């Protein structure tokens, strides 16, 4: 995990992309924000990029490949799994069975999208701040 690595944001709702893009650019100005409209596009990117993503933030409900299927694909791919990219769900609406299923897939967080811009900013800032300060296997570059 590179603190300045790209933030991967997966959501097929263009309105949400328009809302979250400036917030993420403000909160994490040194991290490129890469948007994908479905999980398959994100997996294709992750399998071909040399970049070390900082964080994956995904909607659960999407067409083509939903967030749960995306997480399963990452967990089943030894190379992607070993990269240990923090994986967060940011979704609405939230149902208990989705939260339970998501945590069975060893995600690192599950959040319900807030309804106002100030609440969204606070929520995203807390997520980015946490992972910016968290010790994580991918923060080490050698044999430290």
N, C-alpha and C. Protein backbone atom coordinates (compact mmCIF):
# COMPACT_ATOMS: atom_id res chain seq x y z
N UNK A 1 0.85 -1.17 0.00
CA UNK A 1 0.00 0.00 0.00
C UNK A 1 0.89 1.22 0.00
N UNK A 2 0.76 2.01 -1.00
CA UNK A 2 1.47 3.27 -1.09
C UNK A 2 0.53 4.37 -0.63
N UNK A 3 0.95 5.15 0.35
CA UNK A 3 0.09 6.22 0.86
C UNK A 3 -0.27 7.18 -0.26
N UNK A 4 0.62 7.37 -1.23
CA UNK A 4 0.32 8.24 -2.37
C UNK A 4 -0.10 7.45 -3.61
N UNK A 5 -0.34 6.17 -3.43
CA UNK A 5 -0.80 5.35 -4.54
C UNK A 5 -2.24 5.71 -4.91
N UNK A 6 -2.72 5.20 -6.01
CA UNK A 6 -4.07 5.54 -6.45
C UNK A 6 -5.14 5.00 -5.50
N UNK A 7 -6.20 5.76 -5.40
CA UNK A 7 -7.41 5.30 -4.72
C UNK A 7 -8.32 4.78 -5.82
N UNK A 8 -8.70 3.52 -5.72
CA UNK A 8 -9.58 2.89 -6.70
C UNK A 8 -11.00 3.03 -6.17
N UNK A 9 -11.86 3.69 -6.94
CA UNK A 9 -13.25 3.92 -6.53
C UNK A 9 -14.14 3.25 -7.57
N UNK A 10 -14.96 2.29 -7.12
CA UNK A 10 -15.78 1.51 -8.04
C UNK A 10 -17.25 1.76 -7.73
N UNK A 11 -17.96 2.36 -8.67
CA UNK A 11 -19.37 2.68 -8.49
C UNK A 11 -19.95 2.98 -9.86
N UNK A 12 -21.08 2.36 -10.18
CA UNK A 12 -21.68 2.59 -11.50
C UNK A 12 -22.62 3.78 -11.53
N UNK A 13 -22.76 4.49 -10.43
CA UNK A 13 -23.61 5.68 -10.36
C UNK A 13 -22.75 6.91 -10.66
N UNK A 14 -22.95 7.49 -11.84
CA UNK A 14 -22.15 8.65 -12.25
C UNK A 14 -22.33 9.83 -11.30
N UNK A 15 -23.53 10.00 -10.74
CA UNK A 15 -23.75 11.08 -9.78
C UNK A 15 -22.86 10.91 -8.55
N UNK A 16 -22.73 9.68 -8.07
CA UNK A 16 -21.86 9.43 -6.93
C UNK A 16 -20.40 9.71 -7.29
N UNK A 17 -20.00 9.34 -8.48
CA UNK A 17 -18.63 9.63 -8.90
C UNK A 17 -18.39 11.15 -8.90
N UNK A 18 -19.36 11.90 -9.40
CA UNK A 18 -19.23 13.35 -9.43
C UNK A 18 -19.18 13.96 -8.03
N UNK A 19 -19.88 13.36 -7.09
CA UNK A 19 -19.86 13.84 -5.71
C UNK A 19 -18.56 13.49 -5.00
N UNK A 20 -18.10 12.26 -5.17
CA UNK A 20 -16.96 11.78 -4.40
C UNK A 20 -15.61 12.23 -4.96
N UNK A 21 -15.53 12.47 -6.27
CA UNK A 21 -14.25 12.84 -6.87
C UNK A 21 -13.63 14.09 -6.23
N UNK A 22 -14.34 15.22 -6.16
CA UNK A 22 -13.70 16.39 -5.55
C UNK A 22 -13.40 16.22 -4.06
N UNK A 23 -14.22 15.45 -3.38
CA UNK A 23 -13.96 15.21 -1.95
C UNK A 23 -12.67 14.42 -1.77
N UNK A 24 -12.50 13.36 -2.55
CA UNK A 24 -11.29 12.56 -2.45
C UNK A 24 -10.06 13.35 -2.90
N UNK A 25 -10.21 14.17 -3.94
CA UNK A 25 -9.08 15.00 -4.39
C UNK A 25 -8.66 15.98 -3.30
N UNK A 26 -9.62 16.49 -2.55
CA UNK A 26 -9.33 17.41 -1.44
C UNK A 26 -8.67 16.68 -0.27
N UNK A 27 -9.20 15.52 0.07
CA UNK A 27 -8.73 14.76 1.24
C UNK A 27 -7.39 14.08 0.98
N UNK A 28 -7.19 13.57 -0.23
CA UNK A 28 -5.96 12.85 -0.58
C UNK A 28 -5.37 13.45 -1.85
N UNK A 29 -4.86 14.68 -1.77
CA UNK A 29 -4.42 15.39 -2.98
C UNK A 29 -3.25 14.73 -3.71
N UNK A 30 -2.47 13.89 -3.02
CA UNK A 30 -1.33 13.25 -3.66
C UNK A 30 -1.64 11.88 -4.25
N UNK A 31 -2.88 11.44 -4.11
CA UNK A 31 -3.29 10.13 -4.64
C UNK A 31 -4.20 10.32 -5.85
N UNK A 32 -3.83 9.75 -6.99
CA UNK A 32 -4.76 9.80 -8.12
C UNK A 32 -6.03 9.03 -7.77
N UNK A 33 -7.16 9.52 -8.23
CA UNK A 33 -8.44 8.86 -8.00
C UNK A 33 -8.84 8.19 -9.32
N UNK A 34 -8.94 6.87 -9.30
CA UNK A 34 -9.31 6.12 -10.50
C UNK A 34 -10.71 5.55 -10.33
N UNK A 35 -11.61 5.91 -11.23
CA UNK A 35 -12.99 5.46 -11.16
C UNK A 35 -13.23 4.32 -12.15
N UNK A 36 -13.98 3.33 -11.68
CA UNK A 36 -14.42 2.22 -12.53
C UNK A 36 -15.91 2.03 -12.29
N UNK A 37 -16.63 1.66 -13.36
CA UNK A 37 -18.08 1.54 -13.25
C UNK A 37 -18.54 0.13 -12.91
N UNK A 38 -17.62 -0.82 -12.83
CA UNK A 38 -17.98 -2.17 -12.38
C UNK A 38 -16.73 -2.90 -11.92
N UNK A 39 -16.96 -3.97 -11.19
CA UNK A 39 -15.87 -4.74 -10.62
C UNK A 39 -14.95 -5.36 -11.65
N UNK A 40 -15.49 -5.78 -12.80
CA UNK A 40 -14.66 -6.42 -13.81
C UNK A 40 -13.60 -5.45 -14.34
N UNK A 41 -13.99 -4.21 -14.58
CA UNK A 41 -13.02 -3.22 -15.04
C UNK A 41 -11.93 -2.99 -14.00
N UNK A 42 -12.31 -2.98 -12.73
CA UNK A 42 -11.34 -2.80 -11.65
C UNK A 42 -10.38 -3.98 -11.56
N UNK A 43 -10.90 -5.21 -11.66
CA UNK A 43 -10.04 -6.40 -11.63
C UNK A 43 -9.07 -6.38 -12.81
N UNK A 44 -9.57 -6.03 -13.98
CA UNK A 44 -8.70 -5.96 -15.16
C UNK A 44 -7.56 -4.96 -14.93
N UNK A 45 -7.88 -3.82 -14.36
CA UNK A 45 -6.86 -2.82 -14.05
C UNK A 45 -5.86 -3.38 -13.03
N UNK A 46 -6.36 -3.94 -11.94
CA UNK A 46 -5.49 -4.44 -10.87
C UNK A 46 -4.55 -5.54 -11.37
N UNK A 47 -5.02 -6.34 -12.32
CA UNK A 47 -4.19 -7.44 -12.85
C UNK A 47 -3.11 -6.94 -13.81
N UNK A 48 -3.26 -5.74 -14.32
CA UNK A 48 -2.31 -5.26 -15.33
C UNK A 48 -1.46 -4.08 -14.87
N UNK A 49 -1.77 -3.47 -13.76
CA UNK A 49 -1.03 -2.28 -13.34
C UNK A 49 0.18 -2.64 -12.50
N UNK A 50 1.19 -1.81 -12.60
CA UNK A 50 2.36 -1.92 -11.73
C UNK A 50 2.21 -1.01 -10.52
N UNK A 51 1.23 -0.10 -10.57
CA UNK A 51 1.01 0.82 -9.45
C UNK A 51 0.58 0.04 -8.21
N UNK A 52 0.92 0.57 -7.06
CA UNK A 52 0.52 -0.03 -5.79
C UNK A 52 -0.60 0.81 -5.20
N UNK A 53 -1.85 0.39 -5.41
CA UNK A 53 -2.97 1.19 -4.92
C UNK A 53 -2.94 1.38 -3.40
N UNK A 54 -3.38 2.55 -3.00
CA UNK A 54 -3.49 2.90 -1.59
C UNK A 54 -4.72 2.26 -0.97
N UNK A 55 -5.83 2.25 -1.72
CA UNK A 55 -7.11 1.86 -1.14
C UNK A 55 -8.10 1.55 -2.25
N UNK A 56 -8.98 0.57 -1.99
CA UNK A 56 -10.10 0.28 -2.88
C UNK A 56 -11.38 0.62 -2.12
N UNK A 57 -12.20 1.48 -2.72
CA UNK A 57 -13.51 1.82 -2.17
C UNK A 57 -14.54 1.38 -3.20
N UNK A 58 -15.46 0.50 -2.79
CA UNK A 58 -16.39 -0.08 -3.76
C UNK A 58 -17.83 -0.02 -3.28
N UNK A 59 -18.71 0.26 -4.22
CA UNK A 59 -20.15 0.08 -4.02
C UNK A 59 -20.40 -1.42 -4.03
N UNK A 60 -21.45 -1.86 -3.36
CA UNK A 60 -21.81 -3.29 -3.39
C UNK A 60 -22.65 -3.59 -4.63
N UNK A 61 -23.70 -2.80 -4.85
CA UNK A 61 -24.67 -3.09 -5.92
C UNK A 61 -24.26 -2.41 -7.22
N UNK A 62 -23.83 -3.23 -8.18
CA UNK A 62 -23.45 -2.73 -9.50
C UNK A 62 -23.79 -3.78 -10.55
N UNK A 63 -23.91 -3.32 -11.79
CA UNK A 63 -24.13 -4.22 -12.91
C UNK A 63 -22.80 -4.87 -13.30
N UNK A 64 -22.84 -5.86 -14.13
CA UNK A 64 -21.71 -6.61 -14.69
C UNK A 64 -21.03 -7.44 -13.61
N UNK A 65 -20.35 -6.80 -12.64
CA UNK A 65 -19.75 -7.51 -11.51
C UNK A 65 -19.95 -6.62 -10.28
N UNK A 66 -20.69 -7.13 -9.30
CA UNK A 66 -20.95 -6.32 -8.11
C UNK A 66 -19.74 -6.35 -7.18
N UNK A 67 -19.82 -5.57 -6.10
CA UNK A 67 -18.70 -5.45 -5.18
C UNK A 67 -18.32 -6.73 -4.48
N UNK A 68 -19.31 -7.54 -4.13
CA UNK A 68 -19.01 -8.82 -3.48
C UNK A 68 -18.29 -9.76 -4.44
N UNK A 69 -18.72 -9.80 -5.69
CA UNK A 69 -18.05 -10.63 -6.69
C UNK A 69 -16.62 -10.12 -6.93
N UNK A 70 -16.46 -8.80 -6.93
CA UNK A 70 -15.13 -8.20 -7.08
C UNK A 70 -14.22 -8.67 -5.96
N UNK A 71 -14.70 -8.59 -4.73
CA UNK A 71 -13.88 -9.01 -3.59
C UNK A 71 -13.52 -10.50 -3.69
N UNK A 72 -14.48 -11.33 -4.12
CA UNK A 72 -14.20 -12.76 -4.30
C UNK A 72 -13.09 -12.97 -5.34
N UNK A 73 -13.16 -12.22 -6.45
CA UNK A 73 -12.14 -12.33 -7.50
C UNK A 73 -10.76 -11.99 -6.96
N UNK A 74 -10.68 -10.95 -6.16
CA UNK A 74 -9.40 -10.54 -5.58
C UNK A 74 -8.89 -11.63 -4.63
N UNK A 75 -9.77 -12.16 -3.81
CA UNK A 75 -9.37 -13.19 -2.84
C UNK A 75 -8.95 -14.49 -3.53
N UNK A 76 -9.51 -14.79 -4.70
CA UNK A 76 -9.20 -16.04 -5.41
C UNK A 76 -7.96 -15.91 -6.30
N UNK A 77 -7.49 -14.71 -6.51
CA UNK A 77 -6.31 -14.47 -7.34
C UNK A 77 -5.11 -14.29 -6.41
N UNK A 78 -4.22 -15.27 -6.37
CA UNK A 78 -3.11 -15.25 -5.43
C UNK A 78 -2.26 -13.98 -5.53
N UNK A 79 -2.03 -13.51 -6.74
CA UNK A 79 -1.22 -12.30 -6.92
C UNK A 79 -1.92 -11.08 -6.34
N UNK A 80 -3.22 -10.92 -6.63
CA UNK A 80 -3.97 -9.78 -6.10
C UNK A 80 -4.14 -9.88 -4.59
N UNK A 81 -4.41 -11.07 -4.11
CA UNK A 81 -4.58 -11.27 -2.67
C UNK A 81 -3.31 -10.89 -1.92
N UNK A 82 -2.17 -11.29 -2.45
CA UNK A 82 -0.89 -11.00 -1.80
C UNK A 82 -0.61 -9.50 -1.75
N UNK A 83 -1.17 -8.73 -2.66
CA UNK A 83 -0.96 -7.28 -2.66
C UNK A 83 -1.62 -6.63 -1.44
N UNK A 84 -2.60 -7.31 -0.85
CA UNK A 84 -3.24 -6.88 0.40
C UNK A 84 -3.67 -5.41 0.37
N UNK A 85 -4.37 -5.04 -0.67
CA UNK A 85 -4.86 -3.65 -0.79
C UNK A 85 -6.08 -3.51 0.12
N UNK A 86 -6.07 -2.53 1.03
CA UNK A 86 -7.24 -2.33 1.89
C UNK A 86 -8.50 -2.16 1.05
N UNK A 87 -9.56 -2.86 1.43
CA UNK A 87 -10.80 -2.91 0.66
C UNK A 87 -11.96 -2.47 1.55
N UNK A 88 -12.63 -1.42 1.12
CA UNK A 88 -13.72 -0.80 1.87
C UNK A 88 -14.99 -0.81 1.02
N UNK A 89 -16.11 -1.17 1.61
CA UNK A 89 -17.39 -0.98 0.94
C UNK A 89 -18.01 0.33 1.41
N UNK A 90 -18.50 1.10 0.46
CA UNK A 90 -19.22 2.34 0.72
C UNK A 90 -20.47 2.25 -0.13
N UNK A 91 -21.62 2.02 0.50
CA UNK A 91 -22.81 1.64 -0.25
C UNK A 91 -24.07 2.19 0.39
N UNK A 92 -25.14 2.12 -0.36
CA UNK A 92 -26.48 2.46 0.13
C UNK A 92 -27.49 1.77 -0.78
N UNK A 93 -28.49 1.14 -0.25
CA UNK A 93 -28.78 0.93 1.17
C UNK A 93 -27.93 -0.21 1.74
N UNK A 94 -27.95 -0.31 3.06
CA UNK A 94 -27.20 -1.35 3.75
C UNK A 94 -28.18 -2.36 4.34
N UNK A 95 -27.87 -3.63 4.14
CA UNK A 95 -28.66 -4.72 4.70
C UNK A 95 -27.74 -5.64 5.50
N UNK A 96 -28.26 -6.17 6.58
CA UNK A 96 -27.47 -7.01 7.48
C UNK A 96 -26.81 -8.16 6.72
N UNK A 97 -27.55 -8.85 5.84
CA UNK A 97 -26.97 -10.00 5.14
C UNK A 97 -25.79 -9.59 4.25
N UNK A 98 -25.82 -8.37 3.68
CA UNK A 98 -24.70 -7.90 2.86
C UNK A 98 -23.47 -7.64 3.73
N UNK A 99 -23.68 -7.04 4.89
CA UNK A 99 -22.57 -6.77 5.81
C UNK A 99 -21.94 -8.08 6.25
N UNK A 100 -22.77 -9.04 6.60
CA UNK A 100 -22.25 -10.35 7.03
C UNK A 100 -21.46 -11.03 5.91
N UNK A 101 -22.02 -11.03 4.72
CA UNK A 101 -21.33 -11.66 3.59
C UNK A 101 -20.02 -10.94 3.27
N UNK A 102 -20.04 -9.62 3.33
CA UNK A 102 -18.84 -8.84 3.04
C UNK A 102 -17.71 -9.17 4.02
N UNK A 103 -18.03 -9.25 5.30
CA UNK A 103 -16.98 -9.53 6.28
C UNK A 103 -16.48 -10.97 6.20
N UNK A 104 -17.26 -11.87 5.65
CA UNK A 104 -16.77 -13.22 5.39
C UNK A 104 -15.69 -13.20 4.30
N UNK A 105 -15.69 -12.14 3.50
CA UNK A 105 -14.71 -11.98 2.42
C UNK A 105 -13.50 -11.16 2.88
N UNK A 106 -13.33 -11.01 4.16
CA UNK A 106 -12.20 -10.31 4.79
C UNK A 106 -11.98 -8.90 4.26
N UNK A 107 -13.04 -8.13 4.23
CA UNK A 107 -12.91 -6.72 3.88
C UNK A 107 -12.37 -5.96 5.10
N UNK A 108 -12.00 -4.71 4.90
CA UNK A 108 -11.46 -3.92 5.99
C UNK A 108 -12.43 -2.85 6.49
N UNK A 109 -13.60 -2.75 5.90
CA UNK A 109 -14.59 -1.78 6.37
C UNK A 109 -15.85 -1.82 5.53
N UNK A 110 -16.95 -1.47 6.15
CA UNK A 110 -18.24 -1.41 5.48
C UNK A 110 -18.95 -0.17 5.99
N UNK A 111 -19.24 0.77 5.10
CA UNK A 111 -19.83 2.04 5.48
C UNK A 111 -21.06 2.33 4.64
N UNK A 112 -22.04 2.96 5.25
CA UNK A 112 -23.20 3.44 4.50
C UNK A 112 -22.90 4.85 4.02
N UNK A 113 -23.19 5.11 2.74
CA UNK A 113 -22.97 6.44 2.19
C UNK A 113 -23.79 7.46 2.96
N UNK A 114 -23.13 8.54 3.32
CA UNK A 114 -23.81 9.63 4.01
C UNK A 114 -24.61 10.45 3.00
N UNK A 115 -25.55 11.23 3.51
CA UNK A 115 -26.47 11.93 2.64
C UNK A 115 -26.09 13.38 2.32
N UNK A 116 -25.22 13.97 3.13
CA UNK A 116 -24.84 15.36 2.87
C UNK A 116 -23.34 15.44 2.57
N UNK A 117 -22.94 16.48 1.84
CA UNK A 117 -21.53 16.65 1.50
C UNK A 117 -20.63 16.76 2.73
N UNK A 118 -21.01 17.54 3.75
CA UNK A 118 -20.14 17.59 4.95
C UNK A 118 -19.98 16.22 5.62
N UNK A 119 -21.07 15.44 5.67
CA UNK A 119 -20.98 14.10 6.26
C UNK A 119 -20.12 13.17 5.40
N UNK A 120 -20.25 13.28 4.07
CA UNK A 120 -19.43 12.48 3.16
C UNK A 120 -17.96 12.81 3.35
N UNK A 121 -17.65 14.10 3.42
CA UNK A 121 -16.26 14.54 3.61
C UNK A 121 -15.69 13.97 4.91
N UNK A 122 -16.45 14.08 5.99
CA UNK A 122 -16.01 13.57 7.29
C UNK A 122 -15.77 12.06 7.22
N UNK A 123 -16.69 11.35 6.59
CA UNK A 123 -16.57 9.89 6.48
C UNK A 123 -15.34 9.51 5.67
N UNK A 124 -15.16 10.11 4.50
CA UNK A 124 -14.01 9.79 3.66
C UNK A 124 -12.69 10.18 4.32
N UNK A 125 -12.68 11.32 4.98
CA UNK A 125 -11.47 11.76 5.68
C UNK A 125 -11.08 10.75 6.76
N UNK A 126 -12.05 10.25 7.50
CA UNK A 126 -11.77 9.27 8.54
C UNK A 126 -11.17 7.99 7.93
N UNK A 127 -11.71 7.55 6.81
CA UNK A 127 -11.22 6.34 6.14
C UNK A 127 -9.78 6.56 5.65
N UNK A 128 -9.55 7.66 4.94
CA UNK A 128 -8.22 7.94 4.39
C UNK A 128 -7.21 8.17 5.51
N UNK A 129 -7.60 8.91 6.54
CA UNK A 129 -6.68 9.14 7.67
C UNK A 129 -6.30 7.83 8.34
N UNK A 130 -7.27 6.96 8.55
CA UNK A 130 -6.99 5.68 9.19
C UNK A 130 -5.94 4.90 8.40
N UNK A 131 -6.17 4.75 7.09
CA UNK A 131 -5.26 3.95 6.28
C UNK A 131 -3.95 4.65 6.03
N UNK A 132 -3.90 5.97 6.13
CA UNK A 132 -2.64 6.71 5.99
C UNK A 132 -1.73 6.46 7.19
N UNK A 133 -2.32 6.19 8.34
CA UNK A 133 -1.55 6.01 9.57
C UNK A 133 -1.41 4.56 10.00
N UNK A 134 -2.19 3.68 9.41
CA UNK A 134 -2.19 2.27 9.81
C UNK A 134 -0.92 1.57 9.35
N UNK A 135 -0.33 0.78 10.25
CA UNK A 135 0.76 -0.08 9.81
C UNK A 135 0.14 -1.26 9.08
N UNK A 136 0.67 -1.54 7.93
CA UNK A 136 0.09 -2.51 7.03
C UNK A 136 1.23 -3.22 6.33
N UNK A 137 1.12 -4.50 6.02
CA UNK A 137 2.25 -5.21 5.39
C UNK A 137 2.81 -4.52 4.15
N UNK A 138 1.97 -3.86 3.38
CA UNK A 138 2.43 -3.23 2.15
C UNK A 138 3.12 -1.88 2.37
N UNK A 139 3.16 -1.41 3.62
CA UNK A 139 3.84 -0.14 3.91
C UNK A 139 5.36 -0.34 3.94
N UNK A 140 5.79 -1.59 4.08
CA UNK A 140 7.22 -1.87 4.17
C UNK A 140 7.76 -2.17 2.78
N UNK A 141 8.92 -1.62 2.49
CA UNK A 141 9.49 -1.78 1.14
C UNK A 141 10.61 -2.79 1.07
N UNK A 142 11.16 -3.16 2.21
CA UNK A 142 12.28 -4.11 2.21
C UNK A 142 12.15 -5.07 3.36
N UNK A 143 13.26 -5.34 4.00
CA UNK A 143 13.28 -6.30 5.11
C UNK A 143 13.22 -5.61 6.47
N UNK A 144 12.68 -4.39 6.53
CA UNK A 144 12.65 -3.66 7.79
C UNK A 144 12.04 -4.48 8.90
